[in-house]
Amino acid sequence: MQQDFLYLIDKNDIKEKNTLINIYSNTNVNYYLSDDFSKEFYILLAKTGFISTSIFIDNLFYLLPEIQFEYAILDFDNLHINKRVKKLINQNNFEFLINKDINKILEKLDDYHKDNWLTNKYKDLIVDLYKNPDNNFSILSIELYDKNSKELIAGEIGYKINSTYTSLSGFSSKDENYKNWGKLQMVLLALYLEKNNFSFWNLGHPYMQYKFDLGAKLYSREDFLKRWLTQIQ
């Protein structure tokens, strides 16, 4: 995070139209800070285009909403499935499931990421939202299992708003026996989203090549918000 200071915001800032417009138009700032971990505020942030993580500052835990400078968006017509993933699909040694065991996904994320931000009050919030979907907003637990061993190999957590899906955090096994299963999980998710009439997939930060290998396109903040807000409202 390359930002020297963080503005503290609350739900009133997001609800106030002029303040929100100023946030959108400030192209020097993308990260903000809040101590509000309520469901209402989190959903409001998500609907207005923020993707929130978390951060510790001076041993205090904060929500870290980000209105990104750029976004990676996948339209399903652009989905690319490479030969290795096609081979895995044909072998059919997997089970792709939605919302079977979010706790197992959360455990895997904690093991996989050295600096896991999906923890503490943020984790509690996600579990609460998962158990209690609200206002066209729901948490999805995406899970890919080895069909034979029943081991969880790859997965992610994200959220659905209306007909959009946004990724939050994911993992895949580092075992060489499961090479490319992370890509397999993403392809299967894209196919699931398309089959279930989602409009597009918001993959968040556009700084990872695998997102473009999947078929995602780069959107500026301005272009993303035009599309996002039209879809959400």
Foldseek 3Di string as FASTA:
>chain_A
DPDDDAAEDFPVLLVDVVSVVVQLPPLVDFKHKYADLDPVGCVSLVLQQWFWFWDADPNDIIIITTLDQKWWKDALVQFDDDPVLVVVVVVPQKDKDKPPCVPVQVVVQPVADPPHRCDDSNVVSLVVCQVPPDDQKHKMWIFMAGNVVRDTFKTFIWMGHQQEIETRDMDGDPPPVCPCVHVNSVSVVSVVSVVVPRRIYIDGDPPDVSSVVRRIDMDGSVRVSVVSNVRRD
